Protein backbone atom coordinates (compact mmCIF):
# COMPACT_ATOMS: atom_id res chain seq x y z
CA MET A 1 -54.52 11.01 34.34
CA ALA A 2 -50.98 12.40 34.37
CA ARG A 3 -51.38 13.38 30.72
CA ILE A 4 -52.98 16.58 32.06
CA ALA A 5 -49.35 17.77 31.91
CA TYR A 6 -48.77 16.86 28.26
CA GLY A 7 -52.15 16.49 26.56
CA HIS A 8 -54.05 13.97 24.45
CA PRO A 9 -53.65 12.94 20.79
CA GLU A 10 -56.35 15.29 19.47
CA GLY A 11 -55.27 18.22 21.64
CA GLU A 12 -52.94 21.11 20.91
CA ALA A 13 -49.51 20.69 22.51
CA ASN A 14 -49.13 24.34 23.49
CA ASP A 15 -52.18 24.08 25.77
CA PHE A 16 -50.19 21.89 28.14
CA LEU A 17 -47.24 22.28 30.48
CA ASP A 18 -44.83 19.92 28.70
CA TYR A 19 -44.71 22.10 25.59
CA TRP A 20 -43.53 25.13 27.59
CA LEU A 21 -41.08 23.14 29.69
CA LYS A 22 -39.49 21.78 26.51
CA ARG A 23 -39.08 25.30 25.15
CA GLN A 24 -37.07 26.14 28.27
CA GLY A 25 -34.91 23.03 27.92
CA TRP A 26 -36.61 20.96 30.62
CA GLY A 27 -37.68 17.35 30.29
CA LEU A 28 -40.86 15.96 31.81
CA ILE A 29 -41.54 12.62 33.48
CA SER A 30 -45.20 12.05 34.25
CA ALA A 31 -46.68 8.89 35.68
CA THR A 32 -50.20 7.69 36.37
CA TYR A 33 -50.93 5.52 39.37
CA PRO A 34 -52.57 2.18 38.52
CA GLY A 35 -56.27 2.91 38.63
CA ASP A 36 -59.16 1.45 36.63
CA HIS A 37 -58.40 3.11 33.30
CA PRO A 38 -58.25 0.51 30.47
CA VAL A 39 -54.56 1.32 29.87
CA PHE A 40 -53.77 -0.77 32.98
CA ALA A 41 -54.10 -4.55 33.05
CA SER A 42 -55.44 -4.34 36.59
CA PRO A 43 -55.77 -1.72 39.34
CA LYS A 44 -53.68 -1.71 42.51
CA PRO A 45 -56.03 -0.48 45.23
CA ASP A 46 -53.56 -1.17 48.06
CA LEU A 47 -50.85 1.11 46.63
CA SER A 48 -49.34 3.23 49.42
CA LEU A 49 -47.63 6.61 49.30
CA GLU A 50 -44.26 5.01 50.04
CA GLU A 51 -44.63 2.40 47.29
CA TRP A 52 -45.65 5.02 44.76
CA ALA A 53 -42.75 7.27 45.78
CA PHE A 54 -40.25 4.44 45.30
CA ALA A 55 -41.76 3.61 41.91
CA LEU A 56 -41.43 7.23 40.79
CA ALA A 57 -37.85 7.42 42.09
CA ALA A 58 -37.01 4.31 40.07
CA LEU A 59 -38.56 5.88 36.97
CA VAL A 60 -36.56 9.07 37.47
CA THR A 61 -33.32 7.08 37.90
CA GLU A 62 -34.07 5.01 34.79
CA THR A 63 -34.58 8.22 32.82
CA VAL A 64 -31.80 10.53 34.02
CA GLY A 65 -29.24 8.04 35.32
CA GLU A 66 -27.78 7.39 38.74
CA ASN A 67 -25.17 10.13 39.05
CA GLY A 68 -27.52 12.63 40.68
CA GLU A 69 -26.20 15.51 38.60
CA ARG A 70 -29.47 16.50 36.93
CA PRO A 71 -31.65 19.05 38.79
CA ILE A 72 -35.04 17.57 39.65
CA ILE A 73 -38.19 19.56 40.37
CA ALA A 74 -41.44 17.83 41.25
CA CYS A 75 -44.88 19.24 40.55
CA GLY A 76 -48.05 18.00 42.18
CA TRP A 77 -51.71 18.86 41.79
CA SER A 78 -54.71 17.91 43.88
CA MET A 79 -53.67 15.14 46.28
CA GLY A 80 -50.30 14.90 44.52
CA GLY A 81 -48.96 17.12 47.27
CA LYS A 82 -49.39 14.27 49.75
CA LEU A 83 -46.44 12.56 48.08
CA VAL A 84 -43.71 15.17 48.42
CA PHE A 85 -42.02 14.01 51.65
CA ALA A 86 -42.08 10.35 50.64
CA LEU A 87 -40.74 11.23 47.18
CA THR A 88 -37.89 13.27 48.67
CA ARG A 89 -36.83 10.28 50.78
CA ALA A 90 -37.12 7.82 47.90
CA LEU A 91 -35.05 10.00 45.56
CA ARG A 92 -32.36 10.50 48.20
CA LEU A 93 -31.97 6.74 48.59
CA ARG A 94 -31.21 6.59 44.86
CA GLY A 95 -28.67 9.40 45.01
CA HIS A 96 -30.91 12.21 43.80
CA ALA A 97 -31.93 15.44 45.50
CA LEU A 98 -35.32 17.03 44.96
CA GLU A 99 -34.44 20.68 44.43
CA CYS A 100 -37.95 22.03 44.61
CA PHE A 101 -41.59 21.02 44.84
CA VAL A 102 -44.17 23.15 43.03
CA SER A 103 -47.71 22.83 44.30
CA PHE A 104 -50.46 23.38 41.73
CA CYS A 105 -53.06 23.89 44.44
CA ALA A 106 -52.03 20.55 45.94
CA THR A 107 -53.12 19.13 49.29
CA PRO A 108 -50.17 19.27 51.74
CA PRO A 109 -48.77 15.99 53.12
CA PHE A 110 -49.90 16.50 56.71
CA PRO A 111 -52.50 14.34 58.44
CA ARG A 112 -55.88 15.98 58.75
CA ILE A 113 -56.69 16.08 62.45
CA ASP A 114 -59.37 18.74 62.77
CA GLY A 115 -62.38 16.53 62.09
CA GLY A 116 -63.43 18.84 59.27
CA SER A 117 -66.78 18.88 57.55
CA LEU A 118 -65.81 16.71 54.58
CA SER A 119 -68.52 14.24 53.66
CA PRO A 120 -67.56 10.54 53.74
CA GLU A 121 -66.11 9.08 50.57
CA SER A 122 -66.80 5.60 49.23
CA LEU A 123 -64.84 2.79 47.60
CA LEU A 124 -65.73 0.86 44.48
CA SER A 125 -66.01 -2.93 44.42
CA ASN A 126 -62.45 -3.02 42.96
CA GLY A 127 -61.15 -1.22 46.07
CA LEU A 128 -60.42 2.10 44.36
CA TRP A 129 -61.62 5.50 45.55
CA ASN A 130 -64.91 6.28 43.83
CA LEU A 131 -64.20 9.85 42.75
CA SER A 132 -67.65 10.25 41.23
CA ALA A 133 -69.29 9.93 44.62
CA GLY A 134 -67.84 13.05 46.22
CA LYS A 135 -70.48 15.79 46.28
CA ARG A 136 -70.14 19.47 47.12
CA ASP A 137 -73.01 21.92 46.84
CA GLY A 138 -75.02 19.20 45.13
CA SER A 139 -72.48 18.56 42.33
CA THR A 140 -70.33 15.48 41.85
CA ARG A 141 -66.64 15.77 41.01
CA ASP A 142 -67.31 14.60 37.47
CA GLY A 143 -69.92 17.34 37.12
CA ARG A 144 -67.57 20.00 38.48
CA TRP A 145 -64.72 18.86 36.23
CA LEU A 146 -66.92 19.12 33.16
CA GLU A 147 -68.08 22.55 34.28
CA GLU A 148 -64.46 23.63 34.58
CA LEU A 149 -63.71 22.39 31.06
CA LEU A 150 -66.62 24.47 29.75
CA THR A 151 -65.42 27.51 31.70
CA ILE A 152 -61.92 27.17 30.24
CA ALA A 153 -63.38 26.82 26.74
CA GLY A 154 -65.34 30.02 27.31
CA LEU A 155 -62.26 31.90 28.47
CA GLU A 156 -60.11 30.65 25.57
CA GLY A 157 -62.80 30.94 22.91
CA ARG A 158 -62.27 27.29 21.94
CA THR A 159 -62.39 23.84 23.49
CA ILE A 160 -59.16 22.64 25.09
CA ILE A 161 -60.32 19.18 26.23
CA GLU A 162 -63.57 17.72 24.90
CA PRO A 163 -65.70 15.96 27.53
CA CYS A 164 -65.33 12.64 25.68
CA ALA A 165 -61.54 13.10 25.52
CA PHE A 166 -61.51 13.83 29.24
CA ARG A 167 -63.38 10.58 29.95
CA ASN A 168 -61.23 8.52 27.58
CA HIS A 169 -57.77 9.92 28.28
CA TYR A 170 -57.75 11.59 31.71
CA ARG A 171 -60.38 10.15 34.02
CA THR A 172 -59.57 7.29 36.40
CA ASN A 173 -60.41 6.26 39.97
CA VAL A 174 -57.44 6.06 42.30
CA PRO A 175 -55.90 3.94 45.08
CA PRO A 176 -57.25 5.32 48.37
CA GLY A 177 -53.89 4.93 50.16
CA LEU A 178 -52.48 7.80 48.10
CA TRP A 179 -54.67 10.18 50.08
CA GLY A 180 -52.12 9.76 52.84
CA PRO A 181 -52.42 9.57 56.63
CA GLU A 182 -55.64 10.84 58.19
CA LEU A 183 -56.90 10.74 61.74
CA GLU A 184 -60.53 11.38 60.89
CA PRO A 185 -61.94 8.63 58.63
CA LEU A 186 -62.29 9.77 55.03
CA PHE A 187 -63.91 6.63 53.65
CA GLN A 188 -67.11 5.00 54.83
CA GLY A 189 -66.38 2.29 57.41
CA GLU A 190 -62.75 3.33 57.83
CA GLN A 191 -61.29 3.30 61.33
CA PRO A 192 -59.53 6.39 62.76
CA GLN A 193 -55.73 6.27 62.65
CA ASP A 194 -53.35 6.58 65.56
CA LEU A 195 -51.81 10.05 65.85
CA SER A 196 -48.20 8.88 66.24
CA ARG A 197 -48.52 6.52 63.27
CA ALA A 198 -50.02 9.25 61.09
CA VAL A 199 -47.29 11.71 62.04
CA ARG A 200 -44.57 9.14 61.24
CA SER A 201 -46.17 8.27 57.91
CA ALA A 202 -46.38 11.90 56.90
CA GLY A 203 -42.83 12.72 58.08
CA VAL A 204 -44.23 15.89 59.65
CA PHE A 205 -41.14 16.57 61.79
CA SER A 206 -38.51 15.22 59.39
CA GLY A 207 -36.73 18.39 58.37
CA ASP A 208 -34.43 16.59 55.92
CA ASP A 209 -37.46 15.68 53.84
CA TYR A 210 -38.57 19.26 53.22
CA PRO A 211 -37.52 20.48 49.77
CA ILE A 212 -37.85 24.10 48.76
CA CYS A 213 -41.53 24.61 47.98
CA ALA A 214 -43.43 26.97 45.72
CA ALA A 215 -47.16 27.25 45.15
CA ILE A 216 -49.30 28.24 42.21
CA VAL A 217 -52.69 29.00 43.73
CA PRO A 218 -55.86 29.72 41.74
CA VAL A 219 -57.51 33.02 42.67
CA ASP A 220 -60.43 33.13 40.24
CA ALA A 221 -63.78 33.05 42.02
CA ARG A 222 -64.79 30.10 39.83
CA ASP A 223 -61.89 27.95 40.96
CA ASP A 224 -62.79 25.14 43.33
CA PRO A 225 -61.10 25.84 46.70
CA GLN A 226 -58.97 23.02 48.14
């Protein structure tokens, strides 16, 4: 979950981003969308990008106040990049400006229109995106994530996140609407979207919603390309 930025109870703080931000005088707000992890009373499979952006903007305002004087930088990983335009709009409505968005190899918030070769994804009975189902080169996401944890442990000479800690503290299935607008169906049985609707949802041509962007891109051959 979002604790990938600040760690788990048995972990070492300096293995995670929050520790280093604090040393530079920065605070961190991290939030996890309501999936099927036991920490939530119930999942919210119909959560949209706009709803999640407004919820995050409310959390930011509750934390730093309403005067808009604190600099705000957003970081997103994986499909977290789909949120950046909606988050910029939501923060502006509350009097805040997003100074920068840092992509940690995050999917950009544009609708996919090329009919790429991605295999169809599936939904669970609770309506959430079944992340375990996605296969690439014969491996599921869960399998690839565990392989990455082992690779990191080998590089560091020690375990950073135990597989059981990953399952208990980090792993959750997610609301499919947070994947953002797509023309080509991503989920089994999903209908294609209208181009104009997808473009409006993504804010593709809304220049006011473009913050300064930076990217941290993995270059190791073992990194999973996005």
